[in-house]
């Protein structure tokens, strides 16, 4: 289950992207999570997905 709190979600996502997935789309495809919801939630705390770094910065 994904964290609801944006700060916890940030930590969770960056860990998953760093250790297990080559990209955000790959994570979403594998887990069935909605990419737009993740991006929207993290944009609320001014974090955006960087494809080159494969993390939210």
C-alpha atoms as a PDB file:
ATOM      1  CA  UNK A   1       0.000   0.000   0.000  1.00  0.00           C
ATOM      2  CA  UNK A   2       1.330   3.401  -0.968  1.00  0.00           C
ATOM      3  CA  UNK A   3       1.698   6.099   1.699  1.00  0.00           C
ATOM      4  CA  UNK A   4      -1.000   8.798   1.688  1.00  0.00           C
ATOM      5  CA  UNK A   5       1.229  11.483   3.224  1.00  0.00           C
ATOM      6  CA  UNK A   6       3.105  13.322   0.432  1.00  0.00           C
ATOM      7  CA  UNK A   7       6.434  13.387   2.305  1.00  0.00           C
ATOM      8  CA  UNK A   8       6.257   9.668   3.046  1.00  0.00           C
ATOM      9  CA  UNK A   9       5.218   9.049  -0.558  1.00  0.00           C
ATOM     10  CA  UNK A  10       8.278  10.966  -1.755  1.00  0.00           C
ATOM     11  CA  UNK A  11      10.591   8.774   0.293  1.00  0.00           C
ATOM     12  CA  UNK A  12       8.780   5.590  -0.772  1.00  0.00           C
ATOM     13  CA  UNK A  13       8.833   6.490  -4.476  1.00  0.00           C
ATOM     14  CA  UNK A  14      12.484   7.507  -4.583  1.00  0.00           C
ATOM     15  CA  UNK A  15      13.475   4.295  -2.799  1.00  0.00           C
ATOM     16  CA  UNK A  16      11.459   2.154  -5.216  1.00  0.00           C
ATOM     17  CA  UNK A  17      12.804   4.019  -8.258  1.00  0.00           C
ATOM     18  CA  UNK A  18      16.382   3.869  -7.018  1.00  0.00           C
ATOM     19  CA  UNK A  19      16.398   0.223  -5.971  1.00  0.00           C
ATOM     20  CA  UNK A  20      13.831  -1.581  -8.115  1.00  0.00           C
ATOM     21  CA  UNK A  21      12.561   0.261 -11.197  1.00  0.00           C
ATOM     22  CA  UNK A  22      14.245   1.885 -14.207  1.00  0.00           C
ATOM     23  CA  UNK A  23      11.487   4.509 -14.557  1.00  0.00           C
ATOM     24  CA  UNK A  24       8.253   5.839 -13.098  1.00  0.00           C
ATOM     25  CA  UNK A  25       6.206   4.328 -15.963  1.00  0.00           C
ATOM     26  CA  UNK A  26       7.808   0.920 -15.280  1.00  0.00           C
ATOM     27  CA  UNK A  27       6.871   1.206 -11.596  1.00  0.00           C
ATOM     28  CA  UNK A  28       3.280   2.123 -12.439  1.00  0.00           C
ATOM     29  CA  UNK A  29       2.947  -0.625 -15.024  1.00  0.00           C
ATOM     30  CA  UNK A  30       4.248  -3.237 -12.591  1.00  0.00           C
ATOM     31  CA  UNK A  31       2.235  -2.090  -9.569  1.00  0.00           C
ATOM     32  CA  UNK A  32      -0.927  -0.808 -11.257  1.00  0.00           C
ATOM     33  CA  UNK A  33      -0.591   2.568  -9.548  1.00  0.00           C
ATOM     34  CA  UNK A  34      -1.847   5.705 -11.300  1.00  0.00           C
ATOM     35  CA  UNK A  35       1.114   7.787 -12.470  1.00  0.00           C
ATOM     36  CA  UNK A  36      -0.914  11.011 -12.651  1.00  0.00           C
ATOM     37  CA  UNK A  37      -2.037  10.637  -9.034  1.00  0.00           C
ATOM     38  CA  UNK A  38       1.544  10.122  -7.857  1.00  0.00           C
ATOM     39  CA  UNK A  39       2.826  13.090  -9.859  1.00  0.00           C
ATOM     40  CA  UNK A  40      -0.053  15.308  -8.658  1.00  0.00           C
ATOM     41  CA  UNK A  41       0.402  14.340  -5.013  1.00  0.00           C
ATOM     42  CA  UNK A  42       4.146  15.043  -5.078  1.00  0.00           C
ATOM     43  CA  UNK A  43       3.716  18.300  -6.972  1.00  0.00           C
ATOM     44  CA  UNK A  44       1.738  19.516  -3.939  1.00  0.00           C
ATOM     45  CA  UNK A  45       5.030  19.556  -2.024  1.00  0.00           C
ATOM     46  CA  UNK A  46       6.938  20.948  -5.033  1.00  0.00           C
ATOM     47  CA  UNK A  47       8.580  17.708  -6.194  1.00  0.00           C
ATOM     48  CA  UNK A  48       8.602  16.666  -9.824  1.00  0.00           C
ATOM     49  CA  UNK A  49       9.783  13.530 -11.596  1.00  0.00           C
ATOM     50  CA  UNK A  50      13.173  13.856 -13.302  1.00  0.00           C
ATOM     51  CA  UNK A  51      13.502  11.163 -15.984  1.00  0.00           C
ATOM     52  CA  UNK A  52      17.274  11.504 -16.252  1.00  0.00           C
ATOM     53  CA  UNK A  53      17.789  11.005 -12.519  1.00  0.00           C
ATOM     54  CA  UNK A  54      14.818   8.618 -12.227  1.00  0.00           C
ATOM     55  CA  UNK A  55      13.699  10.275  -9.033  1.00  0.00           C
ATOM     56  CA  UNK A  56      11.482  13.018  -7.704  1.00  0.00           C
ATOM     57  CA  UNK A  57      13.470  16.199  -7.113  1.00  0.00           C
END
